[in-house]
Amino acid sequence: MLVEGKSKTNENMLTGRSEFNKVVVFEGKKELIGKMVKIKIISEHMWYLKGECDKI
């Protein structure tokens, strides 16, 4: 997944989009913005998915 930027609601979280264009929020360092990362989805919410970065 391409890391798009910081979450609008939590500065400690990053966001990107899944292959199905669903927003994915996960904890990560800002150095990941603009890079491709592997994300494991850990929970589903109404408007987004929560994930964790495979390797930070």
N, C-alpha and C. Protein backbone atom coordinates (compact mmCIF):
# COMPACT_ATOMS: atom_id res chain seq x y z
N MET A 1 0.84 -1.15 0.00
CA MET A 1 0.00 0.00 0.00
C MET A 1 0.89 1.23 0.00
N LEU A 2 0.47 2.27 -0.72
CA LEU A 2 1.19 3.54 -0.72
C LEU A 2 0.75 4.36 0.48
N VAL A 3 1.71 4.77 1.30
CA VAL A 3 1.41 5.61 2.45
C VAL A 3 1.20 7.04 1.94
N GLU A 4 0.00 7.57 2.16
CA GLU A 4 -0.37 8.88 1.61
C GLU A 4 -0.01 10.04 2.53
N GLY A 5 -0.09 9.84 3.85
CA GLY A 5 0.22 10.94 4.75
C GLY A 5 -0.27 10.67 6.16
N LYS A 6 -0.29 11.74 6.97
CA LYS A 6 -0.74 11.65 8.35
C LYS A 6 -2.26 11.58 8.40
N SER A 7 -2.77 10.93 9.42
CA SER A 7 -4.20 10.90 9.67
C SER A 7 -4.67 12.31 10.01
N LYS A 8 -5.87 12.65 9.58
CA LYS A 8 -6.43 13.98 9.88
C LYS A 8 -6.84 14.11 11.34
N THR A 9 -7.09 12.98 12.00
CA THR A 9 -7.59 13.02 13.38
C THR A 9 -6.57 12.60 14.43
N ASN A 10 -5.44 12.01 14.01
CA ASN A 10 -4.44 11.54 14.98
C ASN A 10 -3.05 11.65 14.35
N GLU A 11 -2.23 12.54 14.87
CA GLU A 11 -0.90 12.79 14.30
C GLU A 11 0.04 11.59 14.40
N ASN A 12 -0.26 10.64 15.28
CA ASN A 12 0.59 9.46 15.44
C ASN A 12 0.26 8.36 14.45
N MET A 13 -0.78 8.56 13.66
CA MET A 13 -1.23 7.54 12.72
C MET A 13 -1.00 8.02 11.28
N LEU A 14 -0.77 7.06 10.39
CA LEU A 14 -0.61 7.34 8.97
C LEU A 14 -1.79 6.75 8.21
N THR A 15 -1.99 7.21 6.99
CA THR A 15 -3.08 6.68 6.18
C THR A 15 -2.61 6.31 4.78
N GLY A 16 -3.37 5.44 4.18
CA GLY A 16 -3.17 5.04 2.80
C GLY A 16 -4.48 4.45 2.32
N ARG A 17 -4.48 3.85 1.13
CA ARG A 17 -5.70 3.24 0.60
C ARG A 17 -5.43 1.80 0.20
N SER A 18 -6.41 0.96 0.49
CA SER A 18 -6.29 -0.45 0.13
C SER A 18 -6.48 -0.60 -1.38
N GLU A 19 -6.28 -1.81 -1.87
CA GLU A 19 -6.47 -2.07 -3.30
C GLU A 19 -7.93 -1.86 -3.70
N PHE A 20 -8.85 -1.84 -2.72
CA PHE A 20 -10.27 -1.61 -2.99
C PHE A 20 -10.67 -0.17 -2.68
N ASN A 21 -9.66 0.72 -2.56
CA ASN A 21 -9.84 2.15 -2.34
C ASN A 21 -10.47 2.49 -0.99
N LYS A 22 -10.28 1.63 0.00
CA LYS A 22 -10.77 1.88 1.35
C LYS A 22 -9.62 2.49 2.15
N VAL A 23 -9.93 3.51 2.96
CA VAL A 23 -8.90 4.17 3.78
C VAL A 23 -8.40 3.20 4.84
N VAL A 24 -7.07 3.13 4.98
CA VAL A 24 -6.44 2.30 6.00
C VAL A 24 -5.62 3.21 6.90
N VAL A 25 -5.84 3.08 8.20
CA VAL A 25 -5.13 3.89 9.20
C VAL A 25 -4.23 2.94 10.00
N PHE A 26 -2.98 3.38 10.22
CA PHE A 26 -2.05 2.53 10.97
C PHE A 26 -0.99 3.39 11.62
N GLU A 27 -0.36 2.84 12.65
CA GLU A 27 0.71 3.54 13.36
C GLU A 27 2.01 3.38 12.58
N GLY A 28 2.72 4.49 12.41
CA GLY A 28 3.99 4.43 11.69
C GLY A 28 4.74 5.74 11.73
N LYS A 29 5.97 5.69 11.34
CA LYS A 29 6.83 6.88 11.33
C LYS A 29 6.57 7.70 10.07
N LYS A 30 6.67 9.02 10.19
CA LYS A 30 6.37 9.89 9.05
C LYS A 30 7.34 9.67 7.88
N GLU A 31 8.46 9.02 8.13
CA GLU A 31 9.41 8.72 7.06
C GLU A 31 8.82 7.74 6.03
N LEU A 32 7.73 7.06 6.40
CA LEU A 32 7.09 6.10 5.49
C LEU A 32 6.21 6.78 4.45
N ILE A 33 5.88 8.06 4.65
CA ILE A 33 5.01 8.77 3.70
C ILE A 33 5.65 8.76 2.32
N GLY A 34 4.86 8.35 1.34
CA GLY A 34 5.33 8.27 -0.04
C GLY A 34 5.95 6.94 -0.40
N LYS A 35 6.03 6.02 0.55
CA LYS A 35 6.63 4.71 0.30
C LYS A 35 5.57 3.61 0.27
N MET A 36 5.93 2.49 -0.33
CA MET A 36 5.06 1.32 -0.35
C MET A 36 5.37 0.46 0.86
N VAL A 37 4.32 0.06 1.59
CA VAL A 37 4.50 -0.80 2.76
C VAL A 37 3.47 -1.92 2.72
N LYS A 38 3.77 -2.99 3.42
CA LYS A 38 2.85 -4.12 3.55
C LYS A 38 2.08 -3.91 4.85
N ILE A 39 0.75 -3.95 4.77
CA ILE A 39 -0.10 -3.70 5.93
C ILE A 39 -0.96 -4.93 6.21
N LYS A 40 -1.07 -5.28 7.49
CA LYS A 40 -1.97 -6.34 7.92
C LYS A 40 -3.20 -5.66 8.52
N ILE A 41 -4.39 -5.96 7.99
CA ILE A 41 -5.62 -5.37 8.50
C ILE A 41 -5.98 -6.09 9.80
N ILE A 42 -6.21 -5.29 10.87
CA ILE A 42 -6.51 -5.89 12.17
C ILE A 42 -7.95 -5.63 12.62
N SER A 43 -8.61 -4.61 12.05
CA SER A 43 -10.01 -4.37 12.39
C SER A 43 -10.69 -3.55 11.30
N GLU A 44 -12.00 -3.70 11.26
CA GLU A 44 -12.82 -3.00 10.27
C GLU A 44 -13.72 -2.01 11.00
N HIS A 45 -13.84 -0.82 10.45
CA HIS A 45 -14.72 0.20 11.02
C HIS A 45 -15.62 0.72 9.90
N MET A 46 -16.59 1.51 10.25
CA MET A 46 -17.56 1.98 9.26
C MET A 46 -16.89 2.69 8.08
N TRP A 47 -15.97 3.59 8.34
CA TRP A 47 -15.40 4.43 7.28
C TRP A 47 -13.95 4.11 6.94
N TYR A 48 -13.32 3.22 7.70
CA TYR A 48 -11.90 2.93 7.46
C TYR A 48 -11.54 1.54 7.98
N LEU A 49 -10.36 1.11 7.60
CA LEU A 49 -9.78 -0.12 8.14
C LEU A 49 -8.61 0.27 9.03
N LYS A 50 -8.39 -0.48 10.09
CA LYS A 50 -7.22 -0.24 10.93
C LYS A 50 -6.23 -1.35 10.65
N GLY A 51 -4.97 -0.98 10.48
CA GLY A 51 -3.96 -1.96 10.17
C GLY A 51 -2.70 -1.77 10.98
N GLU A 52 -1.78 -2.67 10.75
CA GLU A 52 -0.45 -2.51 11.36
C GLU A 52 0.58 -2.80 10.28
N CYS A 53 1.63 -2.01 10.33
CA CYS A 53 2.69 -2.12 9.34
C CYS A 53 3.48 -3.40 9.62
N ASP A 54 3.74 -4.17 8.56
CA ASP A 54 4.47 -5.42 8.70
C ASP A 54 5.84 -5.20 9.33
N LYS A 55 6.60 -4.28 8.76
CA LYS A 55 7.93 -3.95 9.29
C LYS A 55 8.11 -2.45 9.24
N ILE A 56 8.40 -1.86 10.39
CA ILE A 56 8.59 -0.39 10.45
C ILE A 56 10.04 -0.06 10.39
